[in-house]
Amino acid sequence: MSKMDYFKAKVEATISPMDFTHASKAEPDKFLLVDVRNAPPHIMKQKIAGAKHLPLAQLAEKLDELPKDKTIVVYCWETWCNMAAKAAIILLEKDYDVLELAGGIAAWTTMGFPVESVE
């Protein structure tokens, strides 16, 4: 794979927090944000406001909780975390439309976008 192919694929497979915010305001019914982090609430503490928490460890068994008529935007901790990429593979193999939120919740909170407590 060339560098050009890599970067084109990366841009096609990811969405930045800013781009997601704009896209979801323009088309509010198009996306479902899914937090795939595998951690108990006392460690996670927060998730992106409105996101569905579906840990990667449970994703394969709970696919029926995700609509196929929306773009599923998965996220995890930050750029060093690969749980969102693993989740995207699982979902793509089942014919979901998927994007990864670039930078995870760390990028989201850095931008000052809304979060809520994990229950």
PDB file of N, CA and C in Angstrom:
ATOM      1  N   MET A   1       0.848  -1.172   0.000  1.00  0.00           N
ATOM      2  CA  MET A   1       0.000   0.000   0.000  1.00  0.00           C
ATOM      3  C   MET A   1       0.894   1.236   0.000  1.00  0.00           C
ATOM      4  N   SER A   2       0.595   2.144  -0.878  1.00  0.00           N
ATOM      5  CA  SER A   2       1.367   3.386  -0.940  1.00  0.00           C
ATOM      6  C   SER A   2       0.933   4.328   0.178  1.00  0.00           C
ATOM      7  N   LYS A   3       1.731   5.339   0.419  1.00  0.00           N
ATOM      8  CA  LYS A   3       1.368   6.347   1.414  1.00  0.00           C
ATOM      9  C   LYS A   3       0.048   7.021   1.026  1.00  0.00           C
ATOM     10  N   MET A   4      -0.111   7.305  -0.242  1.00  0.00           N
ATOM     11  CA  MET A   4      -1.337   7.952  -0.710  1.00  0.00           C
ATOM     12  C   MET A   4      -2.537   7.057  -0.436  1.00  0.00           C
ATOM     13  N   ASP A   5      -2.434   5.781  -0.755  1.00  0.00           N
ATOM     14  CA  ASP A   5      -3.535   4.851  -0.500  1.00  0.00           C
ATOM     15  C   ASP A   5      -3.855   4.769   0.989  1.00  0.00           C
ATOM     16  N   TYR A   6      -2.813   4.729   1.814  1.00  0.00           N
ATOM     17  CA  TYR A   6      -3.006   4.666   3.266  1.00  0.00           C
ATOM     18  C   TYR A   6      -3.790   5.879   3.761  1.00  0.00           C
ATOM     19  N   PHE A   7      -3.359   7.076   3.374  1.00  0.00           N
ATOM     20  CA  PHE A   7      -4.022   8.281   3.876  1.00  0.00           C
ATOM     21  C   PHE A   7      -5.432   8.443   3.309  1.00  0.00           C
ATOM     22  N   LYS A   8      -5.647   8.034   2.082  1.00  0.00           N
ATOM     23  CA  LYS A   8      -7.009   8.074   1.540  1.00  0.00           C
ATOM     24  C   LYS A   8      -7.916   7.123   2.316  1.00  0.00           C
ATOM     25  N   ALA A   9      -7.412   5.928   2.607  1.00  0.00           N
ATOM     26  CA  ALA A   9      -8.207   4.955   3.365  1.00  0.00           C
ATOM     27  C   ALA A   9      -8.471   5.455   4.776  1.00  0.00           C
ATOM     28  N   LYS A  10      -7.473   6.068   5.387  1.00  0.00           N
ATOM     29  CA  LYS A  10      -7.637   6.596   6.748  1.00  0.00           C
ATOM     30  C   LYS A  10      -8.710   7.677   6.789  1.00  0.00           C
ATOM     31  N   VAL A  11      -8.680   8.581   5.842  1.00  0.00           N
ATOM     32  CA  VAL A  11      -9.670   9.658   5.796  1.00  0.00           C
ATOM     33  C   VAL A  11     -11.063   9.090   5.527  1.00  0.00           C
ATOM     34  N   GLU A  12     -11.161   8.080   4.691  1.00  0.00           N
ATOM     35  CA  GLU A  12     -12.448   7.465   4.368  1.00  0.00           C
ATOM     36  C   GLU A  12     -13.032   6.715   5.562  1.00  0.00           C
ATOM     37  N   ALA A  13     -12.166   6.175   6.440  1.00  0.00           N
ATOM     38  CA  ALA A  13     -12.615   5.321   7.546  1.00  0.00           C
ATOM     39  C   ALA A  13     -12.783   6.049   8.867  1.00  0.00           C
ATOM     40  N   THR A  14     -12.385   7.314   8.938  1.00  0.00           N
ATOM     41  CA  THR A  14     -12.440   8.048  10.201  1.00  0.00           C
ATOM     42  C   THR A  14     -13.215   9.347  10.025  1.00  0.00           C
ATOM     43  N   ILE A  15     -13.607   9.894  11.186  1.00  0.00           N
ATOM     44  CA  ILE A  15     -14.245  11.209  11.208  1.00  0.00           C
ATOM     45  C   ILE A  15     -13.734  11.934  12.449  1.00  0.00           C
ATOM     46  N   SER A  16     -13.378  13.181  12.302  1.00  0.00           N
ATOM     47  CA  SER A  16     -12.874  13.952  13.442  1.00  0.00           C
ATOM     48  C   SER A  16     -14.041  14.378  14.332  1.00  0.00           C
ATOM     49  N   PRO A  17     -13.774  14.713  15.589  1.00  0.00           N
ATOM     50  CA  PRO A  17     -14.852  15.203  16.446  1.00  0.00           C
ATOM     51  C   PRO A  17     -15.570  16.421  15.853  1.00  0.00           C
ATOM     52  N   MET A  18     -14.818  17.335  15.274  1.00  0.00           N
ATOM     53  CA  MET A  18     -15.425  18.538  14.682  1.00  0.00           C
ATOM     54  C   MET A  18     -16.293  18.168  13.488  1.00  0.00           C
ATOM     55  N   ASP A  19     -15.781  17.317  12.607  1.00  0.00           N
ATOM     56  CA  ASP A  19     -16.565  16.901  11.443  1.00  0.00           C
ATOM     57  C   ASP A  19     -17.815  16.125  11.869  1.00  0.00           C
ATOM     58  N   PHE A  20     -17.679  15.266  12.895  1.00  0.00           N
ATOM     59  CA  PHE A  20     -18.837  14.534  13.385  1.00  0.00           C
ATOM     60  C   PHE A  20     -19.897  15.494  13.924  1.00  0.00           C
ATOM     61  N   THR A  21     -19.476  16.479  14.687  1.00  0.00           N
ATOM     62  CA  THR A  21     -20.415  17.447  15.256  1.00  0.00           C
ATOM     63  C   THR A  21     -21.192  18.157  14.152  1.00  0.00           C
ATOM     64  N   HIS A  22     -20.488  18.596  13.119  1.00  0.00           N
ATOM     65  CA  HIS A  22     -21.158  19.276  12.005  1.00  0.00           C
ATOM     66  C   HIS A  22     -22.078  18.324  11.238  1.00  0.00           C
ATOM     67  N   ALA A  23     -21.594  17.122  10.941  1.00  0.00           N
ATOM     68  CA  ALA A  23     -22.390  16.155  10.167  1.00  0.00           C
ATOM     69  C   ALA A  23     -23.633  15.717  10.930  1.00  0.00           C
ATOM     70  N   SER A  24     -23.489  15.492  12.230  1.00  0.00           N
ATOM     71  CA  SER A  24     -24.650  15.024  13.000  1.00  0.00           C
ATOM     72  C   SER A  24     -25.674  16.138  13.226  1.00  0.00           C
ATOM     73  N   LYS A  25     -25.238  17.391  13.207  1.00  0.00           N
ATOM     74  CA  LYS A  25     -26.202  18.498  13.268  1.00  0.00           C
ATOM     75  C   LYS A  25     -26.954  18.624  11.948  1.00  0.00           C
ATOM     76  N   ALA A  26     -26.247  18.418  10.842  1.00  0.00           N
ATOM     77  CA  ALA A  26     -26.875  18.514   9.527  1.00  0.00           C
ATOM     78  C   ALA A  26     -27.828  17.352   9.271  1.00  0.00           C
ATOM     79  N   GLU A  27     -27.466  16.156   9.755  1.00  0.00           N
ATOM     80  CA  GLU A  27     -28.282  14.952   9.556  1.00  0.00           C
ATOM     81  C   GLU A  27     -28.378  14.183  10.882  1.00  0.00           C
ATOM     82  N   PRO A  28     -29.198  14.654  11.809  1.00  0.00           N
ATOM     83  CA  PRO A  28     -29.229  14.075  13.161  1.00  0.00           C
ATOM     84  C   PRO A  28     -29.628  12.608  13.236  1.00  0.00           C
ATOM     85  N   ASP A  29     -30.350  12.113  12.253  1.00  0.00           N
ATOM     86  CA  ASP A  29     -30.789  10.718  12.283  1.00  0.00           C
ATOM     87  C   ASP A  29     -29.846   9.774  11.539  1.00  0.00           C
ATOM     88  N   LYS A  30     -28.762  10.282  11.006  1.00  0.00           N
ATOM     89  CA  LYS A  30     -27.867   9.468  10.180  1.00  0.00           C
ATOM     90  C   LYS A  30     -26.874   8.639  11.011  1.00  0.00           C
ATOM     91  N   PHE A  31     -26.520   9.107  12.209  1.00  0.00           N
ATOM     92  CA  PHE A  31     -25.416   8.504  12.957  1.00  0.00           C
ATOM     93  C   PHE A  31     -25.849   7.925  14.298  1.00  0.00           C
ATOM     94  N   LEU A  32     -25.097   6.913  14.738  1.00  0.00           N
ATOM     95  CA  LEU A  32     -25.188   6.416  16.104  1.00  0.00           C
ATOM     96  C   LEU A  32     -23.762   6.321  16.624  1.00  0.00           C
ATOM     97  N   LEU A  33     -23.484   7.049  17.681  1.00  0.00           N
ATOM     98  CA  LEU A  33     -22.168   7.060  18.304  1.00  0.00           C
ATOM     99  C   LEU A  33     -22.114   5.927  19.325  1.00  0.00           C
ATOM    100  N   VAL A  34     -21.075   5.078  19.233  1.00  0.00           N
ATOM    101  CA  VAL A  34     -20.967   3.915  20.106  1.00  0.00           C
ATOM    102  C   VAL A  34     -19.605   3.892  20.798  1.00  0.00           C
ATOM    103  N   ASP A  35     -19.663   3.902  22.127  1.00  0.00           N
ATOM    104  CA  ASP A  35     -18.478   3.811  22.977  1.00  0.00           C
ATOM    105  C   ASP A  35     -18.170   2.327  23.169  1.00  0.00           C
ATOM    106  N   VAL A  36     -17.036   1.861  22.680  1.00  0.00           N
ATOM    107  CA  VAL A  36     -16.704   0.436  22.750  1.00  0.00           C
ATOM    108  C   VAL A  36     -15.649   0.123  23.812  1.00  0.00           C
ATOM    109  N   ARG A  37     -15.406   1.051  24.714  1.00  0.00           N
ATOM    110  CA  ARG A  37     -14.383   0.818  25.744  1.00  0.00           C
ATOM    111  C   ARG A  37     -14.813  -0.290  26.705  1.00  0.00           C
ATOM    112  N   ASN A  38     -13.849  -1.140  27.046  1.00  0.00           N
ATOM    113  CA  ASN A  38     -14.054  -2.241  27.996  1.00  0.00           C
ATOM    114  C   ASN A  38     -13.532  -1.813  29.362  1.00  0.00           C
ATOM    115  N   ALA A  39     -14.309  -1.100  30.106  1.00  0.00           N
ATOM    116  CA  ALA A  39     -13.874  -0.676  31.434  1.00  0.00           C
ATOM    117  C   ALA A  39     -15.099  -0.432  32.301  1.00  0.00           C
ATOM    118  N   PRO A  40     -14.971  -0.668  33.602  1.00  0.00           N
ATOM    119  CA  PRO A  40     -16.095  -0.392  34.497  1.00  0.00           C
ATOM    120  C   PRO A  40     -16.306   1.120  34.646  1.00  0.00           C
ATOM    121  N   PRO A  41     -17.521   1.522  35.043  1.00  0.00           N
ATOM    122  CA  PRO A  41     -17.843   2.952  35.152  1.00  0.00           C
ATOM    123  C   PRO A  41     -16.891   3.746  36.043  1.00  0.00           C
ATOM    124  N   HIS A  42     -16.356   3.154  37.104  1.00  0.00           N
ATOM    125  CA  HIS A  42     -15.473   3.932  37.982  1.00  0.00           C
ATOM    126  C   HIS A  42     -14.150   4.286  37.298  1.00  0.00           C
ATOM    127  N   ILE A  43     -13.823   3.593  36.217  1.00  0.00           N
ATOM    128  CA  ILE A  43     -12.627   3.938  35.441  1.00  0.00           C
ATOM    129  C   ILE A  43     -12.999   4.856  34.281  1.00  0.00           C
ATOM    130  N   MET A  44     -14.106   4.543  33.611  1.00  0.00           N
ATOM    131  CA  MET A  44     -14.522   5.352  32.455  1.00  0.00           C
ATOM    132  C   MET A  44     -15.048   6.712  32.884  1.00  0.00           C
ATOM    133  N   LYS A  45     -15.869   6.769  33.868  1.00  0.00           N
ATOM    134  CA  LYS A  45     -16.470   7.975  34.430  1.00  0.00           C
ATOM    135  C   LYS A  45     -17.343   8.748  33.461  1.00  0.00           C
ATOM    136  N   GLN A  46     -16.887   8.983  32.234  1.00  0.00           N
ATOM    137  CA  GLN A  46     -17.653   9.771  31.274  1.00  0.00           C
ATOM    138  C   GLN A  46     -17.696   9.078  29.919  1.00  0.00           C
ATOM    139  N   LYS A  47     -18.745   9.409  29.169  1.00  0.00           N
ATOM    140  CA  LYS A  47     -18.834   9.011  27.774  1.00  0.00           C
ATOM    141  C   LYS A  47     -19.347  10.224  27.010  1.00  0.00           C
ATOM    142  N   ILE A  48     -19.242  10.174  25.716  1.00  0.00           N
ATOM    143  CA  ILE A  48     -19.742  11.269  24.900  1.00  0.00           C
ATOM    144  C   ILE A  48     -21.261  11.338  25.066  1.00  0.00           C
ATOM    145  N   ALA A  49     -21.762  12.530  25.259  1.00  0.00           N
ATOM    146  CA  ALA A  49     -23.199  12.728  25.472  1.00  0.00           C
ATOM    147  C   ALA A  49     -23.998  12.108  24.331  1.00  0.00           C
ATOM    148  N   GLY A  50     -24.947  11.262  24.712  1.00  0.00           N
ATOM    149  CA  GLY A  50     -25.810  10.615  23.736  1.00  0.00           C
ATOM    150  C   GLY A  50     -25.267   9.331  23.145  1.00  0.00           C
ATOM    151  N   ALA A  51     -24.029   8.992  23.456  1.00  0.00           N
ATOM    152  CA  ALA A  51     -23.433   7.769  22.897  1.00  0.00           C
ATOM    153  C   ALA A  51     -24.002   6.532  23.584  1.00  0.00           C
ATOM    154  N   LYS A  52     -24.066   5.460  22.835  1.00  0.00           N
ATOM    155  CA  LYS A  52     -24.459   4.161  23.376  1.00  0.00           C
ATOM    156  C   LYS A  52     -23.182   3.474  23.835  1.00  0.00           C
ATOM    157  N   HIS A  53     -23.170   2.946  25.057  1.00  0.00           N
ATOM    158  CA  HIS A  53     -22.009   2.198  25.522  1.00  0.00           C
ATOM    159  C   HIS A  53     -22.239   0.725  25.241  1.00  0.00           C
ATOM    160  N   LEU A  54     -21.401   0.161  24.396  1.00  0.00           N
ATOM    161  CA  LEU A  54     -21.457  -1.250  24.046  1.00  0.00           C
ATOM    162  C   LEU A  54     -20.025  -1.753  23.990  1.00  0.00           C
ATOM    163  N   PRO A  55     -19.512  -2.278  25.114  1.00  0.00           N
ATOM    164  CA  PRO A  55     -18.105  -2.689  25.178  1.00  0.00           C
ATOM    165  C   PRO A  55     -17.720  -3.672  24.074  1.00  0.00           C
ATOM    166  N   LEU A  56     -16.517  -3.526  23.585  1.00  0.00           N
ATOM    167  CA  LEU A  56     -15.998  -4.405  22.541  1.00  0.00           C
ATOM    168  C   LEU A  56     -16.169  -5.872  22.917  1.00  0.00           C
ATOM    169  N   ALA A  57     -15.951  -6.218  24.177  1.00  0.00           N
ATOM    170  CA  ALA A  57     -16.058  -7.611  24.621  1.00  0.00           C
ATOM    171  C   ALA A  57     -17.464  -8.174  24.440  1.00  0.00           C
ATOM    172  N   GLN A  58     -18.480  -7.314  24.352  1.00  0.00           N
ATOM    173  CA  GLN A  58     -19.870  -7.756  24.203  1.00  0.00           C
ATOM    174  C   GLN A  58     -20.444  -7.481  22.812  1.00  0.00           C
ATOM    175  N   LEU A  59     -19.700  -6.796  21.990  1.00  0.00           N
ATOM    176  CA  LEU A  59     -20.218  -6.309  20.711  1.00  0.00           C
ATOM    177  C   LEU A  59     -20.777  -7.423  19.821  1.00  0.00           C
ATOM    178  N   ALA A  60     -20.032  -8.487  19.621  1.00  0.00           N
ATOM    179  CA  ALA A  60     -20.465  -9.549  18.711  1.00  0.00           C
ATOM    180  C   ALA A  60     -21.793 -10.170  19.136  1.00  0.00           C
ATOM    181  N   GLU A  61     -22.021 -10.272  20.451  1.00  0.00           N
ATOM    182  CA  GLU A  61     -23.272 -10.873  20.935  1.00  0.00           C
ATOM    183  C   GLU A  61     -24.439  -9.895  20.931  1.00  0.00           C
ATOM    184  N   LYS A  62     -24.168  -8.597  20.811  1.00  0.00           N
ATOM    185  CA  LYS A  62     -25.223  -7.593  20.921  1.00  0.00           C
ATOM    186  C   LYS A  62     -25.412  -6.767  19.650  1.00  0.00           C
ATOM    187  N   LEU A  63     -25.038  -7.324  18.520  1.00  0.00           N
ATOM    188  CA  LEU A  63     -25.195  -6.601  17.263  1.00  0.00           C
ATOM    189  C   LEU A  63     -26.636  -6.221  16.978  1.00  0.00           C
ATOM    190  N   ASP A  64     -27.577  -7.006  17.494  1.00  0.00           N
ATOM    191  CA  ASP A  64     -28.985  -6.704  17.256  1.00  0.00           C
ATOM    192  C   ASP A  64     -29.418  -5.394  17.912  1.00  0.00           C
ATOM    193  N   GLU A  65     -28.587  -4.834  18.784  1.00  0.00           N
ATOM    194  CA  GLU A  65     -28.895  -3.543  19.408  1.00  0.00           C
ATOM    195  C   GLU A  65     -28.508  -2.359  18.517  1.00  0.00           C
ATOM    196  N   LEU A  66     -27.846  -2.646  17.401  1.00  0.00           N
ATOM    197  CA  LEU A  66     -27.373  -1.580  16.516  1.00  0.00           C
ATOM    198  C   LEU A  66     -28.155  -1.584  15.203  1.00  0.00           C
ATOM    199  N   PRO A  67     -28.661  -0.415  14.818  1.00  0.00           N
ATOM    200  CA  PRO A  67     -29.430  -0.331  13.575  1.00  0.00           C
ATOM    201  C   PRO A  67     -28.513  -0.381  12.347  1.00  0.00           C
ATOM    202  N   LYS A  68     -28.973  -1.029  11.320  1.00  0.00           N
ATOM    203  CA  LYS A  68     -28.191  -1.089  10.072  1.00  0.00           C
ATOM    204  C   LYS A  68     -28.471   0.101   9.156  1.00  0.00           C
ATOM    205  N   ASP A  69     -29.459   0.915   9.517  1.00  0.00           N
ATOM    206  CA  ASP A  69     -29.803   2.049   8.666  1.00  0.00           C
ATOM    207  C   ASP A  69     -29.110   3.343   9.098  1.00  0.00           C
ATOM    208  N   LYS A  70     -28.148   3.235  10.002  1.00  0.00           N
ATOM    209  CA  LYS A  70     -27.388   4.407  10.443  1.00  0.00           C
ATOM    210  C   LYS A  70     -25.900   4.149  10.256  1.00  0.00           C
ATOM    211  N   THR A  71     -25.134   5.212  10.187  1.00  0.00           N
ATOM    212  CA  THR A  71     -23.682   5.082  10.207  1.00  0.00           C
ATOM    213  C   THR A  71     -23.266   4.958  11.658  1.00  0.00           C
ATOM    214  N   ILE A  72     -22.622   3.873  12.001  1.00  0.00           N
ATOM    215  CA  ILE A  72     -22.159   3.628  13.359  1.00  0.00           C
ATOM    216  C   ILE A  72     -20.777   4.264  13.495  1.00  0.00           C
ATOM    217  N   VAL A  73     -20.644   5.178  14.441  1.00  0.00           N
ATOM    218  CA  VAL A  73     -19.373   5.850  14.690  1.00  0.00           C
ATOM    219  C   VAL A  73     -18.844   5.321  16.017  1.00  0.00           C
ATOM    220  N   VAL A  74     -17.766   4.538  15.947  1.00  0.00           N
ATOM    221  CA  VAL A  74     -17.205   3.898  17.135  1.00  0.00           C
ATOM    222  C   VAL A  74     -16.040   4.724  17.675  1.00  0.00           C
ATOM    223  N   TYR A  75     -15.883   4.661  19.005  1.00  0.00           N
ATOM    224  CA  TYR A  75     -14.736   5.337  19.616  1.00  0.00           C
ATOM    225  C   TYR A  75     -14.272   4.583  20.851  1.00  0.00           C
ATOM    226  N   CYS A  76     -12.998   4.844  21.211  1.00  0.00           N
ATOM    227  CA  CYS A  76     -12.436   4.302  22.442  1.00  0.00           C
ATOM    228  C   CYS A  76     -11.700   5.437  23.161  1.00  0.00           C
ATOM    229  N   TRP A  77     -10.563   5.137  23.779  1.00  0.00           N
ATOM    230  CA  TRP A  77      -9.883   6.118  24.638  1.00  0.00           C
ATOM    231  C   TRP A  77      -9.230   7.262  23.865  1.00  0.00           C
ATOM    232  N   GLU A  78      -8.262   6.941  23.034  1.00  0.00           N
ATOM    233  CA  GLU A  78      -7.566   7.961  22.251  1.00  0.00           C
ATOM    234  C   GLU A  78      -6.800   7.294  21.127  1.00  0.00           C
ATOM    235  N   THR A  79      -5.838   7.978  20.545  1.00  0.00           N
ATOM    236  CA  THR A  79      -5.174   7.459  19.342  1.00  0.00           C
ATOM    237  C   THR A  79      -4.408   6.164  19.580  1.00  0.00           C
ATOM    238  N   TRP A  80      -3.906   5.915  20.765  1.00  0.00           N
ATOM    239  CA  TRP A  80      -3.156   4.680  21.020  1.00  0.00           C
ATOM    240  C   TRP A  80      -4.048   3.477  21.243  1.00  0.00           C
ATOM    241  N   CYS A  81      -5.323   3.687  21.400  1.00  0.00           N
ATOM    242  CA  CYS A  81      -6.286   2.606  21.657  1.00  0.00           C
ATOM    243  C   CYS A  81      -6.781   2.042  20.321  1.00  0.00           C
ATOM    244  N   ASN A  82      -6.834   0.704  20.216  1.00  0.00           N
ATOM    245  CA  ASN A  82      -7.299   0.117  18.963  1.00  0.00           C
ATOM    246  C   ASN A  82      -8.642  -0.619  19.094  1.00  0.00           C
ATOM    247  N   MET A  83      -9.327  -0.440  20.220  1.00  0.00           N
ATOM    248  CA  MET A  83     -10.622  -1.106  20.388  1.00  0.00           C
ATOM    249  C   MET A  83     -11.639  -0.641  19.345  1.00  0.00           C
ATOM    250  N   ALA A  84     -11.640   0.625  18.998  1.00  0.00           N
ATOM    251  CA  ALA A  84     -12.584   1.124  17.998  1.00  0.00           C
ATOM    252  C   ALA A  84     -12.295   0.502  16.633  1.00  0.00           C
ATOM    253  N   ALA A  85     -11.033   0.347  16.296  1.00  0.00           N
ATOM    254  CA  ALA A  85     -10.678  -0.295  15.025  1.00  0.00           C
ATOM    255  C   ALA A  85     -11.130  -1.749  15.017  1.00  0.00           C
ATOM    256  N   LYS A  86     -10.935  -2.447  16.130  1.00  0.00           N
ATOM    257  CA  LYS A  86     -11.392  -3.834  16.231  1.00  0.00           C
ATOM    258  C   LYS A  86     -12.908  -3.912  16.114  1.00  0.00           C
ATOM    259  N   ALA A  87     -13.615  -2.992  16.746  1.00  0.00           N
ATOM    260  CA  ALA A  87     -15.072  -2.948  16.658  1.00  0.00           C
ATOM    261  C   ALA A  87     -15.513  -2.672  15.220  1.00  0.00           C
ATOM    262  N   ALA A  88     -14.819  -1.765  14.550  1.00  0.00           N
ATOM    263  CA  ALA A  88     -15.160  -1.442  13.168  1.00  0.00           C
ATOM    264  C   ALA A  88     -15.044  -2.671  12.275  1.00  0.00           C
ATOM    265  N   ILE A  89     -14.022  -3.473  12.482  1.00  0.00           N
ATOM    266  CA  ILE A  89     -13.857  -4.701  11.687  1.00  0.00           C
ATOM    267  C   ILE A  89     -15.040  -5.643  11.906  1.00  0.00           C
ATOM    268  N   ILE A  90     -15.414  -5.844  13.163  1.00  0.00           N
ATOM    269  CA  ILE A  90     -16.557  -6.711  13.480  1.00  0.00           C
ATOM    270  C   ILE A  90     -17.809  -6.211  12.770  1.00  0.00           C
ATOM    271  N   LEU A  91     -18.053  -4.912  12.844  1.00  0.00           N
ATOM    272  CA  LEU A  91     -19.253  -4.327  12.250  1.00  0.00           C
ATOM    273  C   LEU A  91     -19.216  -4.359  10.723  1.00  0.00           C
ATOM    274  N   LEU A  92     -18.081  -4.060  10.148  1.00  0.00           N
ATOM    275  CA  LEU A  92     -17.960  -4.103   8.690  1.00  0.00           C
ATOM    276  C   LEU A  92     -18.180  -5.516   8.163  1.00  0.00           C
ATOM    277  N   GLU A  93     -17.698  -6.505   8.895  1.00  0.00           N
ATOM    278  CA  GLU A  93     -17.913  -7.904   8.483  1.00  0.00           C
ATOM    279  C   GLU A  93     -19.392  -8.281   8.485  1.00  0.00           C
ATOM    280  N   LYS A  94     -20.204  -7.535   9.230  1.00  0.00           N
ATOM    281  CA  LYS A  94     -21.654  -7.774   9.295  1.00  0.00           C
ATOM    282  C   LYS A  94     -22.433  -6.740   8.487  1.00  0.00           C
ATOM    283  N   ASP A  95     -21.731  -6.070   7.583  1.00  0.00           N
ATOM    284  CA  ASP A  95     -22.344  -5.131   6.627  1.00  0.00           C
ATOM    285  C   ASP A  95     -22.906  -3.856   7.242  1.00  0.00           C
ATOM    286  N   TYR A  96     -22.343  -3.394   8.352  1.00  0.00           N
ATOM    287  CA  TYR A  96     -22.710  -2.088   8.900  1.00  0.00           C
ATOM    288  C   TYR A  96     -21.882  -1.016   8.207  1.00  0.00           C
ATOM    289  N   ASP A  97     -22.417   0.193   8.141  1.00  0.00           N
ATOM    290  CA  ASP A  97     -21.677   1.357   7.684  1.00  0.00           C
ATOM    291  C   ASP A  97     -20.998   1.926   8.925  1.00  0.00           C
ATOM    292  N   VAL A  98     -19.663   1.996   8.929  1.00  0.00           N
ATOM    293  CA  VAL A  98     -18.916   2.321  10.141  1.00  0.00           C
ATOM    294  C   VAL A  98     -17.846   3.375   9.875  1.00  0.00           C
ATOM    295  N   LEU A  99     -17.684   4.253  10.860  1.00  0.00           N
ATOM    296  CA  LEU A  99     -16.565   5.188  10.906  1.00  0.00           C
ATOM    297  C   LEU A  99     -15.954   5.120  12.302  1.00  0.00           C
ATOM    298  N   GLU A 100     -14.683   5.437  12.395  1.00  0.00           N
ATOM    299  CA  GLU A 100     -14.026   5.546  13.694  1.00  0.00           C
ATOM    300  C   GLU A 100     -13.864   7.025  14.033  1.00  0.00           C
ATOM    301  N   LEU A 101     -14.226   7.391  15.255  1.00  0.00           N
ATOM    302  CA  LEU A 101     -14.037   8.768  15.709  1.00  0.00           C
ATOM    303  C   LEU A 101     -12.551   8.972  16.000  1.00  0.00           C
ATOM    304  N   ALA A 102     -11.904   9.780  15.199  1.00  0.00           N
ATOM    305  CA  ALA A 102     -10.464  10.003  15.346  1.00  0.00           C
ATOM    306  C   ALA A 102     -10.146  10.610  16.711  1.00  0.00           C
ATOM    307  N   GLY A 103      -9.190  10.018  17.396  1.00  0.00           N
ATOM    308  CA  GLY A 103      -8.748  10.546  18.680  1.00  0.00           C
ATOM    309  C   GLY A 103      -9.575  10.118  19.871  1.00  0.00           C
ATOM    310  N   GLY A 104     -10.681   9.407  19.626  1.00  0.00           N
ATOM    311  CA  GLY A 104     -11.502   8.893  20.709  1.00  0.00           C
ATOM    312  C   GLY A 104     -12.052   9.965  21.632  1.00  0.00           C
ATOM    313  N   ILE A 105     -12.392   9.535  22.846  1.00  0.00           N
ATOM    314  CA  ILE A 105     -12.981  10.472  23.805  1.00  0.00           C
ATOM    315  C   ILE A 105     -11.973  11.538  24.238  1.00  0.00           C
ATOM    316  N   ALA A 106     -10.681  11.232  24.169  1.00  0.00           N
ATOM    317  CA  ALA A 106      -9.669  12.231  24.538  1.00  0.00           C
ATOM    318  C   ALA A 106      -9.735  13.445  23.607  1.00  0.00           C
ATOM    319  N   ALA A 107      -9.847  13.200  22.312  1.00  0.00           N
ATOM    320  CA  ALA A 107      -9.961  14.315  21.364  1.00  0.00           C
ATOM    321  C   ALA A 107     -11.269  15.065  21.574  1.00  0.00           C
ATOM    322  N   TRP A 108     -12.342  14.299  21.831  1.00  0.00           N
ATOM    323  CA  TRP A 108     -13.662  14.894  22.046  1.00  0.00           C
ATOM    324  C   TRP A 108     -13.642  15.866  23.229  1.00  0.00           C
ATOM    325  N   THR A 109     -13.096  15.416  24.356  1.00  0.00           N
ATOM    326  CA  THR A 109     -13.076  16.262  25.554  1.00  0.00           C
ATOM    327  C   THR A 109     -12.105  17.429  25.391  1.00  0.00           C
ATOM    328  N   THR A 110     -11.021  17.220  24.653  1.00  0.00           N
ATOM    329  CA  THR A 110     -10.092  18.315  24.389  1.00  0.00           C
ATOM    330  C   THR A 110     -10.782  19.442  23.637  1.00  0.00           C
ATOM    331  N   MET A 111     -11.716  19.076  22.760  1.00  0.00           N
ATOM    332  CA  MET A 111     -12.472  20.084  22.004  1.00  0.00           C
ATOM    333  C   MET A 111     -13.564  20.746  22.854  1.00  0.00           C
ATOM    334  N   GLY A 112     -13.800  20.204  24.039  1.00  0.00           N
ATOM    335  CA  GLY A 112     -14.816  20.778  24.924  1.00  0.00           C
ATOM    336  C   GLY A 112     -16.233  20.395  24.548  1.00  0.00           C
ATOM    337  N   PHE A 113     -16.373  19.304  23.783  1.00  0.00           N
ATOM    338  CA  PHE A 113     -17.706  18.841  23.389  1.00  0.00           C
ATOM    339  C   PHE A 113     -18.371  18.125  24.566  1.00  0.00           C
ATOM    340  N   PRO A 114     -19.698  18.009  24.550  1.00  0.00           N
ATOM    341  CA  PRO A 114     -20.428  17.499  25.706  1.00  0.00           C
ATOM    342  C   PRO A 114     -20.198  16.018  26.028  1.00  0.00           C
ATOM    343  N   VAL A 115     -20.092  15.750  27.321  1.00  0.00           N
ATOM    344  CA  VAL A 115     -19.967  14.391  27.860  1.00  0.00           C
ATOM    345  C   VAL A 115     -21.019  14.208  28.931  1.00  0.00           C
ATOM    346  N   GLU A 116     -21.237  12.961  29.322  1.00  0.00           N
ATOM    347  CA  GLU A 116     -22.158  12.651  30.404  1.00  0.00           C
ATOM    348  C   GLU A 116     -21.573  11.519  31.230  1.00  0.00           C
ATOM    349  N   SER A 117     -22.081  11.346  32.425  1.00  0.00           N
ATOM    350  CA  SER A 117     -21.603  10.284  33.298  1.00  0.00           C
ATOM    351  C   SER A 117     -21.996   8.929  32.754  1.00  0.00           C
ATOM    352  N   VAL A 118     -21.119   7.957  32.986  1.00  0.00           N
ATOM    353  CA  VAL A 118     -21.404   6.578  32.622  1.00  0.00           C
ATOM    354  C   VAL A 118     -22.205   5.967  33.752  1.00  0.00           C
ATOM    355  N   GLU A 119     -23.274   5.295  33.401  1.00  0.00           N
ATOM    356  CA  GLU A 119     -24.131   4.697  34.419  1.00  0.00           C
ATOM    357  C   GLU A 119     -23.752   3.257  34.657  1.00  0.00           C
TER     358      GLU A 119
END
